[in-house]
Amino acid sequence: MHRVFIGLFVAAIALPLILPERQASVPESVASAAPKAPVEAVSVEQPTLGELVTALDQWVPASVSNQHTCLAQAIYFEARSEPIEGQLAVAHVVLNRVKDQRYPNTICGVVFQNEHRRHRCQFSFACDGLSDNAKEVEAWRQAMLVGYAAAAGYWEDLTQSATHYHATYVDPAWRNELVATAQFGRHLFYQDHSF
């Protein structure tokens, strides 16, 4: 379903809308006498996630809300070296936590939860003592666009409602209590069914 919507969305933003100044009306007697041609299904190739993000580049303003900036920070610092699907997956983990009553109900609240606890917060970049300002311009712009696509619902949640993830090179104890749902790049994603 999302692919059809995205195809229509990309087509709408990629092509100018051309409306005729007025339409000529066809007399009903002529219209009913015309042979009916069979309607053929038109196969339209759906855009990839990368193509969607590229198309969004011309529509997402440079200045966005604080909440969107927080989401982009999570994507940038947690997954900028990951494939675009992995970046989207991190965005969905944040958004899934916002919907989960056990976490703060804002994006910034989720991303910076426990930021005052050095190396014990929800997203490691938020409490590692380093700057939270992006230095790679292109990676930052992509993080902004991926975050926008996720928050606007332009692409389905590839994590299957995951609220946790970790890198493949670490082995957190909590992973044994959760259900693995996906892997993108070097990140494994999990659902928490403990509630």
Foldseek 3Di string as FASTA:
>chain_A
DLQVVLQVVLVPLVDDDDDDPDDDDDPPVVVVPDDDDDDDDDDDDGDDPVVSLVSCLVPDDPDDDPLLLLQLLLLLVVPLVFPLLVSLLSLLLLVLQLVDPVFPVTSNRQSQPPLVPACPHQRNVSNPPDDSDDDDVVSSSSSSSSNVCNVVVSDDNQQVSFNDKDFQVDDDPCVVQWAWRDDTGRMTTTHHPPD
